Structures are given as structure tokens and as C-alpha cells.
Amino acid sequence: MATKRSESVPRRPRADAQRNRERILEVAKEAFTRSGADTSLDDIAKQAGVGAGTLYRHFPTRDALLEAVYRTEVEKLAAAEKEFARTMPPVEALRAWMLLFVDYIAAKQLIAPALNTVVGGPSKLYEATTGLVVGAITALVERAIETGEIRLDLEPMDLLRALVGVSYVASTPDWPQSAKRLVEILILGSRSTV
């Protein structure tokens, strides 16, 4: 009698399947950014070096692909917090993450029109990923506060709101450079006076 595989242990994808998925997401991000939501999925598959069947096996719908592209970008941002915290002093880790967040906002603005085509709109997707972003900046700020380098009264969400606010006035192509200068101002203003 054959035994069933435990349902609590999901099977890991093969290495080549994982590489294909990552390559599809990379190409799709570029394509959606460049051409919007109507980009041909067959063209994405071709540019990723996979067959259409492989793309559809990983992402059965256009919405699934769009959501995966966005979610992957947020996951990379959240993972960067751990890497920066491990390899940099607290204030430098916070600065590096905030600079990366500016790049994330720029990418999000480019892909937002495509995300707006997702059935039901992007709000549920944003809600599902906001916790990752808030958790990352909170961990970095708390670490910097513990070392005494950052003011005790600094609220992580204040930094995040300031950076997001800059994106709403992003009417010129050079706004990311301005936002990165703002990161320096925010860091200086957050420093402990002791």
C-alpha cells in the first residue's frame, strides 16, 4: 500500500523551475513597466527563454503574473532589511533601506497602471504587502534607537510617510534624486542629540 506524502510539507520546486519563475518575473516587470498591462504574455515567455506553457503553469492568468511581480518587489525590499541589519551599522542600514525604498516607489509608479487592471483593483494586494514594508522599517528604526543613534521619539511610520509623500509629487523625471536627498535630511533630523 502506497503512503501519501504529508500534506503539511509542501514540495519544493525543482531548481530549474524556480529559475524559470524568477526569470519570468524579471522579464515581466520590465515589460509591464515599459508597455503596460496589455503586454503579450507570449512575448514575455519568449523573452524569458521559456515556452508559453511554462509561463502559464507558474502564472495561469495575467492578474496572477502582475500580482506576483509586485509581491516579489515588496519581498525583496523586506529581505533587504535583514541583510542591511546584518551587514551594516544601524543608521547606515536604515539609510540604505530608505534609499532602496525610493527605488521601490519609482518601480511601483511605473507598474501601477498595469496593477490597476487587476480584477478588483490593487488595493487588496497593497493591503497584503504593506505589513512587510512597515515591519522592515520598524525593525531598522528600533535597532537604531536601541543603539542611541536615533531619537527615542522617532516613529518609523513618519519616515515612511515622508518618503511616500515625495512620490505623490513625482511630476519630474528627477524626483528620485530629490527623494534620495530627502533621505539624508530625514536621517540627519532623526539623529539623537545626545
C-alpha atoms as a PDB file:
ATOM      1  CA  MET A   1       0.000   0.000   0.000  1.00  0.00           C
ATOM      2  CA  ALA A   2       1.474   3.331  -1.040  1.00  0.00           C
ATOM      3  CA  THR A   3       1.771   6.043   1.569  1.00  0.00           C
ATOM      4  CA  LYS A   4       0.620   9.571   0.880  1.00  0.00           C
ATOM      5  CA  ARG A   5       3.083  12.412   1.069  1.00  0.00           C
ATOM      6  CA  SER A   6       2.448  14.553   4.128  1.00  0.00           C
ATOM      7  CA  GLU A   7       0.185  17.446   3.193  1.00  0.00           C
ATOM      8  CA  SER A   8       1.867  19.685   5.775  1.00  0.00           C
ATOM      9  CA  VAL A   9       5.200  19.591   3.922  1.00  0.00           C
ATOM     10  CA  PRO A  10       4.909  21.367   0.578  1.00  0.00           C
ATOM     11  CA  ARG A  11       7.138  20.061  -2.166  1.00  0.00           C
ATOM     12  CA  ARG A  12       9.937  22.423  -3.108  1.00  0.00           C
ATOM     13  CA  PRO A  13      10.051  23.383  -6.761  1.00  0.00           C
ATOM     14  CA  ARG A  14      12.882  21.986  -8.827  1.00  0.00           C
ATOM     15  CA  ALA A  15      15.844  24.341  -9.251  1.00  0.00           C
ATOM     16  CA  ASP A  16      15.179  24.824 -12.961  1.00  0.00           C
ATOM     17  CA  ALA A  17      11.500  25.556 -12.306  1.00  0.00           C
ATOM     18  CA  GLN A  18      12.477  28.146  -9.704  1.00  0.00           C
ATOM     19  CA  ARG A  19      14.954  29.762 -12.122  1.00  0.00           C
ATOM     20  CA  ASN A  20      12.264  29.876 -14.828  1.00  0.00           C
ATOM     21  CA  ARG A  21       9.817  31.518 -12.423  1.00  0.00           C
ATOM     22  CA  GLU A  22      12.369  34.134 -11.367  1.00  0.00           C
ATOM     23  CA  ARG A  23      13.322  34.870 -14.967  1.00  0.00           C
ATOM     24  CA  ILE A  24       9.658  35.242 -15.978  1.00  0.00           C
ATOM     25  CA  LEU A  25       9.082  37.691 -13.119  1.00  0.00           C
ATOM     26  CA  GLU A  26      12.169  39.702 -14.051  1.00  0.00           C
ATOM     27  CA  VAL A  27      11.155  39.974 -17.716  1.00  0.00           C
ATOM     28  CA  ALA A  28       7.507  40.642 -16.833  1.00  0.00           C
ATOM     29  CA  LYS A  29       8.446  43.537 -14.541  1.00  0.00           C
ATOM     30  CA  GLU A  30      10.417  45.159 -17.351  1.00  0.00           C
ATOM     31  CA  ALA A  31       7.664  44.503 -19.894  1.00  0.00           C
ATOM     32  CA  PHE A  32       4.803  45.793 -17.722  1.00  0.00           C
ATOM     33  CA  THR A  33       6.876  48.847 -16.835  1.00  0.00           C
ATOM     34  CA  ARG A  34       7.693  49.566 -20.472  1.00  0.00           C
ATOM     35  CA  SER A  35       4.421  48.636 -22.186  1.00  0.00           C
ATOM     36  CA  GLY A  36       1.702  48.366 -19.544  1.00  0.00           C
ATOM     37  CA  ALA A  37      -0.753  45.626 -18.681  1.00  0.00           C
ATOM     38  CA  ASP A  38      -1.518  44.734 -22.293  1.00  0.00           C
ATOM     39  CA  THR A  39       1.954  43.328 -22.864  1.00  0.00           C
ATOM     40  CA  SER A  40       1.782  39.988 -24.652  1.00  0.00           C
ATOM     41  CA  LEU A  41       2.323  37.113 -22.254  1.00  0.00           C
ATOM     42  CA  ASP A  42       3.687  35.060 -25.137  1.00  0.00           C
ATOM     43  CA  ASP A  43       6.307  37.778 -25.718  1.00  0.00           C
ATOM     44  CA  ILE A  44       7.200  37.703 -22.022  1.00  0.00           C
ATOM     45  CA  ALA A  45       7.653  33.935 -22.210  1.00  0.00           C
ATOM     46  CA  LYS A  46       9.809  34.256 -25.324  1.00  0.00           C
ATOM     47  CA  GLN A  47      11.999  36.987 -23.768  1.00  0.00           C
ATOM     48  CA  ALA A  48      12.356  34.887 -20.618  1.00  0.00           C
ATOM     49  CA  GLY A  49      13.535  31.952 -22.717  1.00  0.00           C
ATOM     50  CA  VAL A  50      10.644  29.670 -21.740  1.00  0.00           C
ATOM     51  CA  GLY A  51       7.624  28.285 -23.515  1.00  0.00           C
ATOM     52  CA  ALA A  52       4.169  29.775 -23.068  1.00  0.00           C
ATOM     53  CA  GLY A  53       3.114  26.604 -21.237  1.00  0.00           C
ATOM     54  CA  THR A  54       5.836  27.174 -18.641  1.00  0.00           C
ATOM     55  CA  LEU A  55       4.668  30.748 -18.084  1.00  0.00           C
ATOM     56  CA  TYR A  56       1.037  29.663 -17.701  1.00  0.00           C
ATOM     57  CA  ARG A  57       1.994  26.804 -15.366  1.00  0.00           C
ATOM     58  CA  HIS A  58       3.542  29.347 -12.993  1.00  0.00           C
ATOM     59  CA  PHE A  59       1.046  32.166 -13.642  1.00  0.00           C
ATOM     60  CA  PRO A  60      -2.298  30.941 -15.002  1.00  0.00           C
ATOM     61  CA  THR A  61      -3.618  34.480 -15.588  1.00  0.00           C
ATOM     62  CA  ARG A  62      -2.283  37.937 -16.400  1.00  0.00           C
ATOM     63  CA  ASP A  63      -3.510  39.100 -12.977  1.00  0.00           C
ATOM     64  CA  ALA A  64      -1.555  36.320 -11.276  1.00  0.00           C
ATOM     65  CA  LEU A  65       1.608  37.443 -13.067  1.00  0.00           C
ATOM     66  CA  LEU A  66       1.052  41.130 -12.265  1.00  0.00           C
ATOM     67  CA  GLU A  67       0.431  40.330  -8.610  1.00  0.00           C
ATOM     68  CA  ALA A  68       3.498  38.103  -8.422  1.00  0.00           C
ATOM     69  CA  VAL A  69       5.697  40.825  -9.937  1.00  0.00           C
ATOM     70  CA  TYR A  70       4.517  43.351  -7.359  1.00  0.00           C
ATOM     71  CA  ARG A  71       4.700  40.922  -4.441  1.00  0.00           C
ATOM     72  CA  THR A  72       8.241  39.910  -5.434  1.00  0.00           C
ATOM     73  CA  GLU A  73       9.381  43.539  -5.383  1.00  0.00           C
ATOM     74  CA  VAL A  74       7.940  44.020  -1.889  1.00  0.00           C
ATOM     75  CA  GLU A  75       9.516  40.777  -0.681  1.00  0.00           C
ATOM     76  CA  LYS A  76      12.916  41.926  -1.979  1.00  0.00           C
ATOM     77  CA  LEU A  77      12.502  45.189  -0.088  1.00  0.00           C
ATOM     78  CA  ALA A  78      11.597  43.347   3.113  1.00  0.00           C
ATOM     79  CA  ALA A  79      14.500  40.911   2.712  1.00  0.00           C
ATOM     80  CA  ALA A  80      16.917  43.806   2.245  1.00  0.00           C
ATOM     81  CA  GLU A  81      16.146  44.940   5.801  1.00  0.00           C
ATOM     82  CA  LYS A  82      17.547  41.716   7.213  1.00  0.00           C
ATOM     83  CA  GLU A  83      20.643  41.848   5.001  1.00  0.00           C
ATOM     84  CA  PHE A  84      21.340  45.502   5.798  1.00  0.00           C
ATOM     85  CA  ALA A  85      20.818  44.926   9.540  1.00  0.00           C
ATOM     86  CA  ARG A  86      23.242  42.006   9.407  1.00  0.00           C
ATOM     87  CA  THR A  87      25.981  43.794   7.466  1.00  0.00           C
ATOM     88  CA  MET A  88      25.759  47.495   8.387  1.00  0.00           C
ATOM     89  CA  PRO A  89      25.712  49.725  11.450  1.00  0.00           C
ATOM     90  CA  PRO A  90      22.128  50.643  12.446  1.00  0.00           C
ATOM     91  CA  VAL A  91      21.914  54.152  10.958  1.00  0.00           C
ATOM     92  CA  GLU A  92      23.672  53.073   7.755  1.00  0.00           C
ATOM     93  CA  ALA A  93      21.258  50.136   7.440  1.00  0.00           C
ATOM     94  CA  LEU A  94      18.296  52.487   7.871  1.00  0.00           C
ATOM     95  CA  ARG A  95      19.711  54.913   5.283  1.00  0.00           C
ATOM     96  CA  ALA A  96      20.409  52.127   2.770  1.00  0.00           C
ATOM     97  CA  TRP A  97      16.912  50.697   3.190  1.00  0.00           C
ATOM     98  CA  MET A  98      15.277  54.104   2.784  1.00  0.00           C
ATOM     99  CA  LEU A  99      17.253  54.685  -0.412  1.00  0.00           C
ATOM    100  CA  LEU A 100      16.116  51.284  -1.665  1.00  0.00           C
ATOM    101  CA  PHE A 101      12.551  52.257  -0.746  1.00  0.00           C
ATOM    102  CA  VAL A 102      12.826  55.279  -3.056  1.00  0.00           C
ATOM    103  CA  ASP A 103      13.771  52.905  -5.888  1.00  0.00           C
ATOM    104  CA  TYR A 104      10.811  50.689  -4.938  1.00  0.00           C
ATOM    105  CA  ILE A 105       8.444  53.694  -5.125  1.00  0.00           C
ATOM    106  CA  ALA A 106       9.808  54.558  -8.573  1.00  0.00           C
ATOM    107  CA  ALA A 107       9.244  50.987  -9.785  1.00  0.00           C
ATOM    108  CA  LYS A 108       5.784  50.900  -8.218  1.00  0.00           C
ATOM    109  CA  GLN A 109       4.814  54.102 -10.017  1.00  0.00           C
ATOM    110  CA  LEU A 110       5.860  52.619 -13.322  1.00  0.00           C
ATOM    111  CA  ILE A 111       3.970  49.372 -12.817  1.00  0.00           C
ATOM    112  CA  ALA A 112       0.929  50.927 -11.050  1.00  0.00           C
ATOM    113  CA  PRO A 113      -1.051  51.455 -14.274  1.00  0.00           C
ATOM    114  CA  ALA A 114      -0.690  47.748 -15.006  1.00  0.00           C
ATOM    115  CA  LEU A 115      -1.657  46.841 -11.421  1.00  0.00           C
ATOM    116  CA  ASN A 116      -4.804  48.934 -11.793  1.00  0.00           C
ATOM    117  CA  THR A 117      -6.057  46.405 -14.334  1.00  0.00           C
ATOM    118  CA  VAL A 118      -6.050  43.585 -11.762  1.00  0.00           C
ATOM    119  CA  VAL A 119      -9.587  42.343 -11.124  1.00  0.00           C
ATOM    120  CA  GLY A 120     -10.860  44.159  -8.057  1.00  0.00           C
ATOM    121  CA  GLY A 121      -8.049  46.719  -8.250  1.00  0.00           C
ATOM    122  CA  PRO A 122      -4.698  46.673  -6.493  1.00  0.00           C
ATOM    123  CA  SER A 123      -5.926  47.659  -3.017  1.00  0.00           C
ATOM    124  CA  LYS A 124      -6.094  44.090  -1.660  1.00  0.00           C
ATOM    125  CA  LEU A 125      -2.603  43.432  -2.987  1.00  0.00           C
ATOM    126  CA  TYR A 126      -1.298  46.607  -1.357  1.00  0.00           C
ATOM    127  CA  GLU A 127      -3.005  45.676   1.923  1.00  0.00           C
ATOM    128  CA  ALA A 128      -1.455  42.211   1.858  1.00  0.00           C
ATOM    129  CA  THR A 129       2.075  43.543   1.371  1.00  0.00           C
ATOM    130  CA  THR A 130       2.052  46.714   3.493  1.00  0.00           C
ATOM    131  CA  GLY A 131       2.889  44.740   6.632  1.00  0.00           C
ATOM    132  CA  LEU A 132       6.177  43.606   5.101  1.00  0.00           C
ATOM    133  CA  VAL A 133       7.246  47.195   4.422  1.00  0.00           C
ATOM    134  CA  VAL A 134       6.119  48.500   7.812  1.00  0.00           C
ATOM    135  CA  GLY A 135       7.805  45.579   9.576  1.00  0.00           C
ATOM    136  CA  ALA A 136      11.089  46.239   7.792  1.00  0.00           C
ATOM    137  CA  ILE A 137      11.335  49.944   8.597  1.00  0.00           C
ATOM    138  CA  THR A 138      10.126  49.363  12.158  1.00  0.00           C
ATOM    139  CA  ALA A 139      12.874  46.808  12.793  1.00  0.00           C
ATOM    140  CA  LEU A 140      15.526  49.150  11.393  1.00  0.00           C
ATOM    141  CA  VAL A 141      14.343  52.163  13.403  1.00  0.00           C
ATOM    142  CA  GLU A 142      14.063  50.144  16.626  1.00  0.00           C
ATOM    143  CA  ARG A 143      17.598  48.831  16.137  1.00  0.00           C
ATOM    144  CA  ALA A 144      18.935  52.376  15.628  1.00  0.00           C
ATOM    145  CA  ILE A 145      17.018  53.643  18.679  1.00  0.00           C
ATOM    146  CA  GLU A 146      18.478  50.839  20.828  1.00  0.00           C
ATOM    147  CA  THR A 147      21.997  51.954  19.971  1.00  0.00           C
ATOM    148  CA  GLY A 148      21.181  55.552  20.849  1.00  0.00           C
ATOM    149  CA  GLU A 149      21.931  56.821  17.345  1.00  0.00           C
ATOM    150  CA  ILE A 150      18.325  57.769  16.584  1.00  0.00           C
ATOM    151  CA  ARG A 151      15.903  59.825  18.687  1.00  0.00           C
ATOM    152  CA  LEU A 152      13.723  57.868  21.104  1.00  0.00           C
ATOM    153  CA  ASP A 153      10.563  59.578  19.856  1.00  0.00           C
ATOM    154  CA  LEU A 154      11.071  58.686  16.182  1.00  0.00           C
ATOM    155  CA  GLU A 155       8.111  56.872  14.678  1.00  0.00           C
ATOM    156  CA  PRO A 156       9.004  54.536  11.786  1.00  0.00           C
ATOM    157  CA  MET A 157       5.769  55.438  10.003  1.00  0.00           C
ATOM    158  CA  ASP A 158       6.769  59.127   9.992  1.00  0.00           C
ATOM    159  CA  LEU A 159       9.818  58.268   7.888  1.00  0.00           C
ATOM    160  CA  LEU A 160       7.759  56.065   5.602  1.00  0.00           C
ATOM    161  CA  ARG A 161       5.057  58.714   5.163  1.00  0.00           C
ATOM    162  CA  ALA A 162       7.668  61.340   4.299  1.00  0.00           C
ATOM    163  CA  LEU A 163       9.115  59.126   1.579  1.00  0.00           C
ATOM    164  CA  VAL A 164       5.732  58.128   0.212  1.00  0.00           C
ATOM    165  CA  GLY A 165       4.701  61.794   0.222  1.00  0.00           C
ATOM    166  CA  VAL A 166       7.550  62.631  -2.121  1.00  0.00           C
ATOM    167  CA  SER A 167       6.237  60.093  -4.613  1.00  0.00           C
ATOM    168  CA  TYR A 168       2.922  61.908  -4.871  1.00  0.00           C
ATOM    169  CA  VAL A 169       4.649  64.981  -6.261  1.00  0.00           C
ATOM    170  CA  ALA A 170       6.755  62.972  -8.663  1.00  0.00           C
ATOM    171  CA  SER A 171       5.984  65.107 -11.672  1.00  0.00           C
ATOM    172  CA  THR A 172       9.553  65.464 -12.913  1.00  0.00           C
ATOM    173  CA  PRO A 173      11.906  62.762 -14.108  1.00  0.00           C
ATOM    174  CA  ASP A 174      14.493  63.715 -11.457  1.00  0.00           C
ATOM    175  CA  TRP A 175      12.199  63.226  -8.449  1.00  0.00           C
ATOM    176  CA  PRO A 176      14.070  60.074  -7.289  1.00  0.00           C
ATOM    177  CA  GLN A 177      17.268  62.133  -6.876  1.00  0.00           C
ATOM    178  CA  SER A 178      15.308  64.680  -4.841  1.00  0.00           C
ATOM    179  CA  ALA A 179      13.814  61.876  -2.741  1.00  0.00           C
ATOM    180  CA  LYS A 180      17.274  60.460  -2.092  1.00  0.00           C
ATOM    181  CA  ARG A 181      18.413  63.890  -0.868  1.00  0.00           C
ATOM    182  CA  LEU A 182      15.360  63.862   1.389  1.00  0.00           C
ATOM    183  CA  VAL A 183      16.551  60.566   2.874  1.00  0.00           C
ATOM    184  CA  GLU A 184      19.733  62.344   4.024  1.00  0.00           C
ATOM    185  CA  ILE A 185      17.685  65.160   5.554  1.00  0.00           C
ATOM    186  CA  LEU A 186      15.419  62.659   7.315  1.00  0.00           C
ATOM    187  CA  ILE A 187      18.389  60.739   8.688  1.00  0.00           C
ATOM    188  CA  LEU A 188      20.030  63.929   9.976  1.00  0.00           C
ATOM    189  CA  GLY A 189      16.776  65.074  11.572  1.00  0.00           C
ATOM    190  CA  SER A 190      16.318  61.672  13.205  1.00  0.00           C
ATOM    191  CA  ARG A 191      19.747  61.568  14.834  1.00  0.00           C
ATOM    192  CA  SER A 192      19.932  61.584  18.601  1.00  0.00           C
ATOM    193  CA  THR A 193      21.127  64.882  20.077  1.00  0.00           C
ATOM    194  CA  VAL A 194      22.916  63.123  22.929  1.00  0.00           C
END
